[in-house]
Amino acid sequence: AVRDKFKGQDICILEGTGSLYWAGGMRFAWKEALKEHD
């Protein structure tokens, strides 16, 4: 739904484990963003 609705936007969708919960899911996305920290 996100891919279809926001095709023109810069969105990186990450596949979690299914058991990350809120804190784990936020860390998972944040770590990916850190790869472009600069």
PDB file of all heavy atoms in Angstrom:
ATOM      1  N   ALA A   1       0.826  -1.204   0.000  1.00  0.00           N
ATOM      2  CA  ALA A   1       0.000   0.000   0.000  1.00  0.00           C
ATOM      3  C   ALA A   1       0.864   1.259   0.000  1.00  0.00           C
ATOM      4  O   ALA A   1       0.577   2.234  -0.709  1.00  0.00           O
ATOM      5  CB  ALA A   1      -0.932   0.005   1.208  1.00  0.00           C
ATOM      6  N   VAL A   2       1.946   1.239   0.777  1.00  0.00           N
ATOM      7  CA  VAL A   2       2.862   2.385   0.814  1.00  0.00           C
ATOM      8  C   VAL A   2       3.543   2.567  -0.541  1.00  0.00           C
ATOM      9  O   VAL A   2       3.655   3.684  -1.061  1.00  0.00           O
ATOM     10  CB  VAL A   2       3.890   2.206   1.947  1.00  0.00           C
ATOM     11  CG1 VAL A   2       5.000   3.257   1.834  1.00  0.00           C
ATOM     12  CG2 VAL A   2       3.208   2.300   3.303  1.00  0.00           C
ATOM     13  N   ARG A   3       4.006   1.472  -1.122  1.00  0.00           N
ATOM     14  CA  ARG A   3       4.663   1.565  -2.436  1.00  0.00           C
ATOM     15  C   ARG A   3       3.712   2.132  -3.488  1.00  0.00           C
ATOM     16  O   ARG A   3       4.095   2.983  -4.303  1.00  0.00           O
ATOM     17  CB  ARG A   3       5.150   0.186  -2.870  1.00  0.00           C
ATOM     18  CG  ARG A   3       6.309  -0.357  -2.054  1.00  0.00           C
ATOM     19  CD  ARG A   3       6.859  -1.630  -2.676  1.00  0.00           C
ATOM     20  NE  ARG A   3       7.838  -2.267  -1.805  1.00  0.00           N
ATOM     21  CZ  ARG A   3       7.562  -3.279  -0.984  1.00  0.00           C
ATOM     22  NH1 ARG A   3       6.327  -3.782  -0.942  1.00  0.00           N
ATOM     23  NH2 ARG A   3       8.511  -3.792  -0.218  1.00  0.00           N
ATOM     24  N   ASP A   4       2.463   1.664  -3.491  1.00  0.00           N
ATOM     25  CA  ASP A   4       1.500   2.114  -4.496  1.00  0.00           C
ATOM     26  C   ASP A   4       1.101   3.569  -4.299  1.00  0.00           C
ATOM     27  O   ASP A   4       0.956   4.322  -5.275  1.00  0.00           O
ATOM     28  CB  ASP A   4       0.245   1.235  -4.437  1.00  0.00           C
ATOM     29  CG  ASP A   4       0.495  -0.185  -4.911  1.00  0.00           C
ATOM     30  OD1 ASP A   4       1.527  -0.413  -5.585  1.00  0.00           O
ATOM     31  OD2 ASP A   4      -0.323  -1.067  -4.597  1.00  0.00           O
ATOM     32  N   LYS A   5       0.934   3.965  -3.044  1.00  0.00           N
ATOM     33  CA  LYS A   5       0.437   5.314  -2.745  1.00  0.00           C
ATOM     34  C   LYS A   5       1.503   6.384  -2.933  1.00  0.00           C
ATOM     35  O   LYS A   5       1.193   7.516  -3.327  1.00  0.00           O
ATOM     36  CB  LYS A   5      -0.079   5.342  -1.304  1.00  0.00           C
ATOM     37  CG  LYS A   5      -0.676   6.666  -0.857  1.00  0.00           C
ATOM     38  CD  LYS A   5      -2.008   6.918  -1.505  1.00  0.00           C
ATOM     39  CE  LYS A   5      -2.647   8.194  -0.987  1.00  0.00           C
ATOM     40  NZ  LYS A   5      -3.971   8.447  -1.589  1.00  0.00           N
ATOM     41  N   PHE A   6       2.767   6.041  -2.671  1.00  0.00           N
ATOM     42  CA  PHE A   6       3.819   7.066  -2.635  1.00  0.00           C
ATOM     43  C   PHE A   6       4.938   6.742  -3.625  1.00  0.00           C
ATOM     44  O   PHE A   6       6.117   6.766  -3.272  1.00  0.00           O
ATOM     45  CB  PHE A   6       4.363   7.195  -1.210  1.00  0.00           C
ATOM     46  CG  PHE A   6       3.305   7.455  -0.180  1.00  0.00           C
ATOM     47  CD1 PHE A   6       2.876   6.451   0.679  1.00  0.00           C
ATOM     48  CD2 PHE A   6       2.709   8.704  -0.071  1.00  0.00           C
ATOM     49  CE1 PHE A   6       1.896   6.679   1.634  1.00  0.00           C
ATOM     50  CE2 PHE A   6       1.721   8.945   0.876  1.00  0.00           C
ATOM     51  CZ  PHE A   6       1.309   7.931   1.723  1.00  0.00           C
ATOM     52  N   LYS A   7       4.559   6.451  -4.857  1.00  0.00           N
ATOM     53  CA  LYS A   7       5.533   6.023  -5.865  1.00  0.00           C
ATOM     54  C   LYS A   7       6.603   7.067  -6.139  1.00  0.00           C
ATOM     55  O   LYS A   7       7.739   6.731  -6.479  1.00  0.00           O
ATOM     56  CB  LYS A   7       4.803   5.658  -7.153  1.00  0.00           C
ATOM     57  CG  LYS A   7       3.973   4.392  -7.051  1.00  0.00           C
ATOM     58  CD  LYS A   7       3.262   4.073  -8.364  1.00  0.00           C
ATOM     59  CE  LYS A   7       2.454   2.794  -8.236  1.00  0.00           C
ATOM     60  NZ  LYS A   7       1.704   2.486  -9.482  1.00  0.00           N
ATOM     61  N   GLY A   8       6.265   8.331  -6.022  1.00  0.00           N
ATOM     62  CA  GLY A   8       7.235   9.373  -6.335  1.00  0.00           C
ATOM     63  C   GLY A   8       8.096   9.807  -5.170  1.00  0.00           C
ATOM     64  O   GLY A   8       8.955  10.689  -5.323  1.00  0.00           O
ATOM     65  N   GLN A   9       7.900   9.196  -4.009  1.00  0.00           N
ATOM     66  CA  GLN A   9       8.620   9.619  -2.807  1.00  0.00           C
ATOM     67  C   GLN A   9       9.816   8.709  -2.526  1.00  0.00           C
ATOM     68  O   GLN A   9       9.864   7.569  -2.977  1.00  0.00           O
ATOM     69  CB  GLN A   9       7.685   9.616  -1.601  1.00  0.00           C
ATOM     70  CG  GLN A   9       6.460  10.501  -1.753  1.00  0.00           C
ATOM     71  CD  GLN A   9       6.794  11.981  -1.818  1.00  0.00           C
ATOM     72  OE1 GLN A   9       7.924  12.395  -1.558  1.00  0.00           O
ATOM     73  NE2 GLN A   9       5.805  12.793  -2.148  1.00  0.00           N
ATOM     74  N   ASP A  10      10.762   9.266  -1.775  1.00  0.00           N
ATOM     75  CA  ASP A  10      11.983   8.523  -1.427  1.00  0.00           C
ATOM     76  C   ASP A  10      11.715   7.730  -0.151  1.00  0.00           C
ATOM     77  O   ASP A  10      11.837   8.246   0.957  1.00  0.00           O
ATOM     78  CB  ASP A  10      13.132   9.515  -1.222  1.00  0.00           C
ATOM     79  CG  ASP A  10      14.495   8.832  -1.210  1.00  0.00           C
ATOM     80  OD1 ASP A  10      14.534   7.590  -1.321  1.00  0.00           O
ATOM     81  OD2 ASP A  10      15.510   9.547  -1.080  1.00  0.00           O
ATOM     82  N   ILE A  11      11.329   6.469  -0.330  1.00  0.00           N
ATOM     83  CA  ILE A  11      10.965   5.620   0.803  1.00  0.00           C
ATOM     84  C   ILE A  11      11.748   4.316   0.724  1.00  0.00           C
ATOM     85  O   ILE A  11      11.731   3.641  -0.303  1.00  0.00           O
ATOM     86  CB  ILE A  11       9.457   5.313   0.832  1.00  0.00           C
ATOM     87  CG1 ILE A  11       8.647   6.604   0.938  1.00  0.00           C
ATOM     88  CG2 ILE A  11       9.119   4.391   2.008  1.00  0.00           C
ATOM     89  CD1 ILE A  11       7.139   6.395   0.947  1.00  0.00           C
ATOM     90  N   CYS A  12      12.402   3.981   1.812  1.00  0.00           N
ATOM     91  CA  CYS A  12      13.135   2.716   1.935  1.00  0.00           C
ATOM     92  C   CYS A  12      12.336   1.822   2.887  1.00  0.00           C
ATOM     93  O   CYS A  12      12.232   2.121   4.077  1.00  0.00           O
ATOM     94  CB  CYS A  12      14.542   2.960   2.472  1.00  0.00           C
ATOM     95  SG  CYS A  12      15.467   1.460   2.828  1.00  0.00           S
ATOM     96  N   ILE A  13      11.746   0.750   2.346  1.00  0.00           N
ATOM     97  CA  ILE A  13      10.964  -0.176   3.156  1.00  0.00           C
ATOM     98  C   ILE A  13      11.834  -1.371   3.523  1.00  0.00           C
ATOM     99  O   ILE A  13      12.389  -2.041   2.649  1.00  0.00           O
ATOM    100  CB  ILE A  13       9.694  -0.634   2.423  1.00  0.00           C
ATOM    101  CG1 ILE A  13       8.805   0.576   2.111  1.00  0.00           C
ATOM    102  CG2 ILE A  13       8.928  -1.644   3.270  1.00  0.00           C
ATOM    103  CD1 ILE A  13       7.552   0.239   1.323  1.00  0.00           C
ATOM    104  N   LEU A  14      11.952  -1.620   4.808  1.00  0.00           N
ATOM    105  CA  LEU A  14      12.825  -2.676   5.315  1.00  0.00           C
ATOM    106  C   LEU A  14      11.991  -3.837   5.835  1.00  0.00           C
ATOM    107  O   LEU A  14      10.966  -3.627   6.487  1.00  0.00           O
ATOM    108  CB  LEU A  14      13.697  -2.126   6.446  1.00  0.00           C
ATOM    109  CG  LEU A  14      14.511  -0.872   6.098  1.00  0.00           C
ATOM    110  CD1 LEU A  14      14.992  -0.188   7.355  1.00  0.00           C
ATOM    111  CD2 LEU A  14      15.669  -1.229   5.201  1.00  0.00           C
ATOM    112  N   GLU A  15      12.430  -5.032   5.576  1.00  0.00           N
ATOM    113  CA  GLU A  15      11.715  -6.215   6.025  1.00  0.00           C
ATOM    114  C   GLU A  15      12.244  -6.649   7.387  1.00  0.00           C
ATOM    115  O   GLU A  15      13.401  -7.070   7.513  1.00  0.00           O
ATOM    116  CB  GLU A  15      11.874  -7.352   5.017  1.00  0.00           C
ATOM    117  CG  GLU A  15      11.078  -8.597   5.362  1.00  0.00           C
ATOM    118  CD  GLU A  15      11.206  -9.684   4.307  1.00  0.00           C
ATOM    119  OE1 GLU A  15      11.665  -9.368   3.188  1.00  0.00           O
ATOM    120  OE2 GLU A  15      10.856 -10.833   4.609  1.00  0.00           O
ATOM    121  N   GLY A  16      11.390  -6.540   8.408  1.00  0.00           N
ATOM    122  CA  GLY A  16      11.785  -6.943   9.746  1.00  0.00           C
ATOM    123  C   GLY A  16      11.650  -8.434   9.957  1.00  0.00           C
ATOM    124  O   GLY A  16      11.249  -9.185   9.056  1.00  0.00           O
ATOM    125  N   THR A  17      11.943  -8.865  11.151  1.00  0.00           N
ATOM    126  CA  THR A  17      11.905 -10.291  11.482  1.00  0.00           C
ATOM    127  C   THR A  17      10.510 -10.763  11.863  1.00  0.00           C
ATOM    128  O   THR A  17      10.254 -11.960  11.941  1.00  0.00           O
ATOM    129  CB  THR A  17      12.851 -10.589  12.650  1.00  0.00           C
ATOM    130  OG1 THR A  17      12.381  -9.883  13.816  1.00  0.00           O
ATOM    131  CG2 THR A  17      14.273 -10.157  12.330  1.00  0.00           C
ATOM    132  N   GLY A  18       9.620  -9.815  12.146  1.00  0.00           N
ATOM    133  CA  GLY A  18       8.300 -10.161  12.658  1.00  0.00           C
ATOM    134  C   GLY A  18       8.233 -10.158  14.171  1.00  0.00           C
ATOM    135  O   GLY A  18       7.159 -10.338  14.745  1.00  0.00           O
ATOM    136  N   SER A  19       9.356  -9.941  14.824  1.00  0.00           N
ATOM    137  CA  SER A  19       9.375  -9.924  16.294  1.00  0.00           C
ATOM    138  C   SER A  19      10.255  -8.794  16.825  1.00  0.00           C
ATOM    139  O   SER A  19      10.884  -8.924  17.864  1.00  0.00           O
ATOM    140  CB  SER A  19       9.869 -11.267  16.836  1.00  0.00           C
ATOM    141  OG  SER A  19      11.164 -11.569  16.330  1.00  0.00           O
ATOM    142  N   LEU A  20      10.296  -7.701  16.091  1.00  0.00           N
ATOM    143  CA  LEU A  20      11.116  -6.552  16.511  1.00  0.00           C
ATOM    144  C   LEU A  20      10.391  -5.663  17.510  1.00  0.00           C
ATOM    145  O   LEU A  20      11.023  -4.986  18.308  1.00  0.00           O
ATOM    146  CB  LEU A  20      11.530  -5.723  15.295  1.00  0.00           C
ATOM    147  CG  LEU A  20      12.513  -6.382  14.329  1.00  0.00           C
ATOM    148  CD1 LEU A  20      12.733  -5.487  13.105  1.00  0.00           C
ATOM    149  CD2 LEU A  20      13.842  -6.671  15.022  1.00  0.00           C
ATOM    150  N   TYR A  21       9.071  -5.618  17.419  1.00  0.00           N
ATOM    151  CA  TYR A  21       8.255  -4.733  18.250  1.00  0.00           C
ATOM    152  C   TYR A  21       8.678  -3.284  18.021  1.00  0.00           C
ATOM    153  O   TYR A  21       9.409  -2.982  17.081  1.00  0.00           O
ATOM    154  CB  TYR A  21       8.299  -5.166  19.716  1.00  0.00           C
ATOM    155  CG  TYR A  21       7.662  -6.522  19.890  1.00  0.00           C
ATOM    156  CD1 TYR A  21       8.427  -7.695  19.812  1.00  0.00           C
ATOM    157  CD2 TYR A  21       6.291  -6.649  20.086  1.00  0.00           C
ATOM    158  CE1 TYR A  21       7.832  -8.941  19.937  1.00  0.00           C
ATOM    159  CE2 TYR A  21       5.692  -7.894  20.209  1.00  0.00           C
ATOM    160  CZ  TYR A  21       6.462  -9.043  20.134  1.00  0.00           C
ATOM    161  OH  TYR A  21       5.881 -10.272  20.230  1.00  0.00           O
ATOM    162  N   TRP A  22       8.171  -2.345  18.873  1.00  0.00           N
ATOM    163  CA  TRP A  22       8.361  -0.939  18.532  1.00  0.00           C
ATOM    164  C   TRP A  22       9.827  -0.509  18.633  1.00  0.00           C
ATOM    165  O   TRP A  22      10.391   0.033  17.677  1.00  0.00           O
ATOM    166  CB  TRP A  22       7.493  -0.042  19.420  1.00  0.00           C
ATOM    167  CG  TRP A  22       7.651   1.404  19.045  1.00  0.00           C
ATOM    168  CD1 TRP A  22       7.087   2.046  17.983  1.00  0.00           C
ATOM    169  CD2 TRP A  22       8.474   2.374  19.702  1.00  0.00           C
ATOM    170  NE1 TRP A  22       7.501   3.356  17.925  1.00  0.00           N
ATOM    171  CE2 TRP A  22       8.352   3.585  18.977  1.00  0.00           C
ATOM    172  CE3 TRP A  22       9.293   2.333  20.824  1.00  0.00           C
ATOM    173  CZ2 TRP A  22       9.025   4.745  19.354  1.00  0.00           C
ATOM    174  CZ3 TRP A  22       9.965   3.494  21.203  1.00  0.00           C
ATOM    175  CH2 TRP A  22       9.823   4.685  20.475  1.00  0.00           C
ATOM    176  N   ALA A  23      10.453  -0.719  19.766  1.00  0.00           N
ATOM    177  CA  ALA A  23      11.835  -0.254  19.941  1.00  0.00           C
ATOM    178  C   ALA A  23      12.770  -0.922  18.940  1.00  0.00           C
ATOM    179  O   ALA A  23      13.635  -0.271  18.338  1.00  0.00           O
ATOM    180  CB  ALA A  23      12.304  -0.509  21.374  1.00  0.00           C
ATOM    181  N   GLY A  24      12.591  -2.226  18.748  1.00  0.00           N
ATOM    182  CA  GLY A  24      13.438  -2.936  17.807  1.00  0.00           C
ATOM    183  C   GLY A  24      13.216  -2.494  16.378  1.00  0.00           C
ATOM    184  O   GLY A  24      14.169  -2.355  15.601  1.00  0.00           O
ATOM    185  N   GLY A  25      11.965  -2.264  16.013  1.00  0.00           N
ATOM    186  CA  GLY A  25      11.668  -1.806  14.660  1.00  0.00           C
ATOM    187  C   GLY A  25      12.227  -0.426  14.386  1.00  0.00           C
ATOM    188  O   GLY A  25      12.724  -0.145  13.285  1.00  0.00           O
ATOM    189  N   MET A  26      12.139   0.466  15.373  1.00  0.00           N
ATOM    190  CA  MET A  26      12.701   1.807  15.201  1.00  0.00           C
ATOM    191  C   MET A  26      14.221   1.749  15.094  1.00  0.00           C
ATOM    192  O   MET A  26      14.824   2.448  14.254  1.00  0.00           O
ATOM    193  CB  MET A  26      12.283   2.694  16.373  1.00  0.00           C
ATOM    194  CG  MET A  26      10.790   2.994  16.434  1.00  0.00           C
ATOM    195  SD  MET A  26      10.177   3.943  15.021  1.00  0.00           S
ATOM    196  CE  MET A  26      10.713   5.601  15.472  1.00  0.00           C
ATOM    197  N   ARG A  27      14.866   0.939  15.910  1.00  0.00           N
ATOM    198  CA  ARG A  27      16.335   0.779  15.798  1.00  0.00           C
ATOM    199  C   ARG A  27      16.724   0.244  14.435  1.00  0.00           C
ATOM    200  O   ARG A  27      17.708   0.688  13.834  1.00  0.00           O
ATOM    201  CB  ARG A  27      16.853  -0.179  16.882  1.00  0.00           C
ATOM    202  CG  ARG A  27      17.168   0.429  18.204  1.00  0.00           C
ATOM    203  CD  ARG A  27      18.012  -0.499  19.069  1.00  0.00           C
ATOM    204  NE  ARG A  27      17.453  -1.831  19.164  1.00  0.00           N
ATOM    205  CZ  ARG A  27      16.588  -2.228  20.089  1.00  0.00           C
ATOM    206  NH1 ARG A  27      16.174  -1.379  21.007  1.00  0.00           N
ATOM    207  NH2 ARG A  27      16.134  -3.465  20.098  1.00  0.00           N
ATOM    208  N   PHE A  28      15.969  -0.739  13.944  1.00  0.00           N
ATOM    209  CA  PHE A  28      16.263  -1.373  12.662  1.00  0.00           C
ATOM    210  C   PHE A  28      16.250  -0.340  11.529  1.00  0.00           C
ATOM    211  O   PHE A  28      17.159  -0.297  10.694  1.00  0.00           O
ATOM    212  CB  PHE A  28      15.233  -2.479  12.404  1.00  0.00           C
ATOM    213  CG  PHE A  28      15.569  -3.401  11.275  1.00  0.00           C
ATOM    214  CD1 PHE A  28      16.659  -4.244  11.350  1.00  0.00           C
ATOM    215  CD2 PHE A  28      14.772  -3.448  10.140  1.00  0.00           C
ATOM    216  CE1 PHE A  28      16.966  -5.115  10.310  1.00  0.00           C
ATOM    217  CE2 PHE A  28      15.059  -4.307   9.096  1.00  0.00           C
ATOM    218  CZ  PHE A  28      16.156  -5.145   9.178  1.00  0.00           C
ATOM    219  N   ALA A  29      15.216   0.509  11.507  1.00  0.00           N
ATOM    220  CA  ALA A  29      15.132   1.557  10.486  1.00  0.00           C
ATOM    221  C   ALA A  29      16.205   2.618  10.689  1.00  0.00           C
ATOM    222  O   ALA A  29      16.806   3.113   9.730  1.00  0.00           O
ATOM    223  CB  ALA A  29      13.739   2.190  10.520  1.00  0.00           C
ATOM    224  N   TRP A  30      16.461   2.969  11.944  1.00  0.00           N
ATOM    225  CA  TRP A  30      17.452   4.014  12.252  1.00  0.00           C
ATOM    226  C   TRP A  30      18.849   3.560  11.830  1.00  0.00           C
ATOM    227  O   TRP A  30      19.636   4.349  11.289  1.00  0.00           O
ATOM    228  CB  TRP A  30      17.398   4.327  13.745  1.00  0.00           C
ATOM    229  CG  TRP A  30      17.863   5.706  14.114  1.00  0.00           C
ATOM    230  CD1 TRP A  30      18.628   6.548  13.372  1.00  0.00           C
ATOM    231  CD2 TRP A  30      17.572   6.401  15.344  1.00  0.00           C
ATOM    232  NE1 TRP A  30      18.848   7.724  14.050  1.00  0.00           N
ATOM    233  CE2 TRP A  30      18.212   7.666  15.256  1.00  0.00           C
ATOM    234  CE3 TRP A  30      16.864   6.073  16.490  1.00  0.00           C
ATOM    235  CZ2 TRP A  30      18.150   8.598  16.291  1.00  0.00           C
ATOM    236  CZ3 TRP A  30      16.795   7.010  17.520  1.00  0.00           C
ATOM    237  CH2 TRP A  30      17.424   8.254  17.421  1.00  0.00           C
ATOM    238  N   LYS A  31      19.161   2.295  12.068  1.00  0.00           N
ATOM    239  CA  LYS A  31      20.471   1.782  11.667  1.00  0.00           C
ATOM    240  C   LYS A  31      20.653   1.866  10.152  1.00  0.00           C
ATOM    241  O   LYS A  31      21.760   2.154   9.660  1.00  0.00           O
ATOM    242  CB  LYS A  31      20.647   0.337  12.130  1.00  0.00           C
ATOM    243  CG  LYS A  31      20.881   0.186  13.624  1.00  0.00           C
ATOM    244  CD  LYS A  31      20.998  -1.283  14.015  1.00  0.00           C
ATOM    245  CE  LYS A  31      21.226  -1.448  15.504  1.00  0.00           C
ATOM    246  NZ  LYS A  31      21.308  -2.879  15.904  1.00  0.00           N
ATOM    247  N   GLU A  32      19.588   1.616   9.422  1.00  0.00           N
ATOM    248  CA  GLU A  32      19.677   1.736   7.962  1.00  0.00           C
ATOM    249  C   GLU A  32      19.919   3.183   7.558  1.00  0.00           C
ATOM    250  O   GLU A  32      20.732   3.464   6.672  1.00  0.00           O
ATOM    251  CB  GLU A  32      18.388   1.215   7.321  1.00  0.00           C
ATOM    252  CG  GLU A  32      18.414   1.150   5.806  1.00  0.00           C
ATOM    253  CD  GLU A  32      19.392   0.125   5.242  1.00  0.00           C
ATOM    254  OE1 GLU A  32      19.749  -0.833   5.961  1.00  0.00           O
ATOM    255  OE2 GLU A  32      19.812   0.286   4.074  1.00  0.00           O
ATOM    256  N   ALA A  33      19.231   4.109   8.210  1.00  0.00           N
ATOM    257  CA  ALA A  33      19.436   5.530   7.917  1.00  0.00           C
ATOM    258  C   ALA A  33      20.854   5.975   8.259  1.00  0.00           C
ATOM    259  O   ALA A  33      21.415   6.858   7.596  1.00  0.00           O
ATOM    260  CB  ALA A  33      18.416   6.371   8.679  1.00  0.00           C
ATOM    261  N   LEU A  34      21.451   5.358   9.275  1.00  0.00           N
ATOM    262  CA  LEU A  34      22.812   5.722   9.674  1.00  0.00           C
ATOM    263  C   LEU A  34      23.840   5.423   8.579  1.00  0.00           C
ATOM    264  O   LEU A  34      24.932   6.011   8.578  1.00  0.00           O
ATOM    265  CB  LEU A  34      23.211   4.977  10.951  1.00  0.00           C
ATOM    266  CG  LEU A  34      22.618   5.466  12.265  1.00  0.00           C
ATOM    267  CD1 LEU A  34      23.053   4.574  13.412  1.00  0.00           C
ATOM    268  CD2 LEU A  34      22.991   6.915  12.547  1.00  0.00           C
ATOM    269  N   LYS A  35      23.503   4.538   7.662  1.00  0.00           N
ATOM    270  CA  LYS A  35      24.422   4.247   6.563  1.00  0.00           C
ATOM    271  C   LYS A  35      24.625   5.466   5.674  1.00  0.00           C
ATOM    272  O   LYS A  35      25.603   5.535   4.936  1.00  0.00           O
ATOM    273  CB  LYS A  35      23.900   3.071   5.734  1.00  0.00           C
ATOM    274  CG  LYS A  35      23.859   1.751   6.503  1.00  0.00           C
ATOM    275  CD  LYS A  35      23.253   0.636   5.665  1.00  0.00           C
ATOM    276  CE  LYS A  35      23.174  -0.673   6.447  1.00  0.00           C
ATOM    277  NZ  LYS A  35      22.547  -1.764   5.653  1.00  0.00           N
ATOM    278  N   GLU A  36      23.699   6.418   5.748  1.00  0.00           N
ATOM    279  CA  GLU A  36      23.803   7.681   5.001  1.00  0.00           C
ATOM    280  C   GLU A  36      23.898   8.860   5.974  1.00  0.00           C
ATOM    281  O   GLU A  36      23.432   9.958   5.669  1.00  0.00           O
ATOM    282  CB  GLU A  36      22.590   7.847   4.086  1.00  0.00           C
ATOM    283  CG  GLU A  36      22.349   6.704   3.126  1.00  0.00           C
ATOM    284  CD  GLU A  36      21.025   6.848   2.385  1.00  0.00           C
ATOM    285  OE1 GLU A  36      20.759   7.953   1.841  1.00  0.00           O
ATOM    286  OE2 GLU A  36      20.244   5.884   2.372  1.00  0.00           O
ATOM    287  N   HIS A  37      24.500   8.630   7.118  1.00  0.00           N
ATOM    288  CA  HIS A  37      24.484   9.617   8.207  1.00  0.00           C
ATOM    289  C   HIS A  37      24.951  11.001   7.769  1.00  0.00           C
ATOM    290  O   HIS A  37      24.371  12.018   8.169  1.00  0.00           O
ATOM    291  CB  HIS A  37      25.346   9.110   9.359  1.00  0.00           C
ATOM    292  CG  HIS A  37      25.376  10.005  10.559  1.00  0.00           C
ATOM    293  ND1 HIS A  37      24.238  10.353  11.259  1.00  0.00           N
ATOM    294  CD2 HIS A  37      26.415  10.627  11.189  1.00  0.00           C
ATOM    295  CE1 HIS A  37      24.573  11.154  12.265  1.00  0.00           C
ATOM    296  NE2 HIS A  37      25.873  11.328  12.254  1.00  0.00           N
ATOM    297  N   ASP A  38      25.978  11.057   6.952  1.00  0.00           N
ATOM    298  CA  ASP A  38      26.502  12.356   6.529  1.00  0.00           C
ATOM    299  C   ASP A  38      25.522  13.128   5.647  1.00  0.00           C
ATOM    300  O   ASP A  38      25.715  14.325   5.407  1.00  0.00           O
ATOM    301  CB  ASP A  38      27.823  12.172   5.780  1.00  0.00           C
ATOM    302  CG  ASP A  38      28.961  11.748   6.700  1.00  0.00           C
ATOM    303  OD1 ASP A  38      28.832  11.937   7.923  1.00  0.00           O
ATOM    304  OD2 ASP A  38      29.965  11.211   6.203  1.00  0.00           O
TER     305      ASP A  38
END
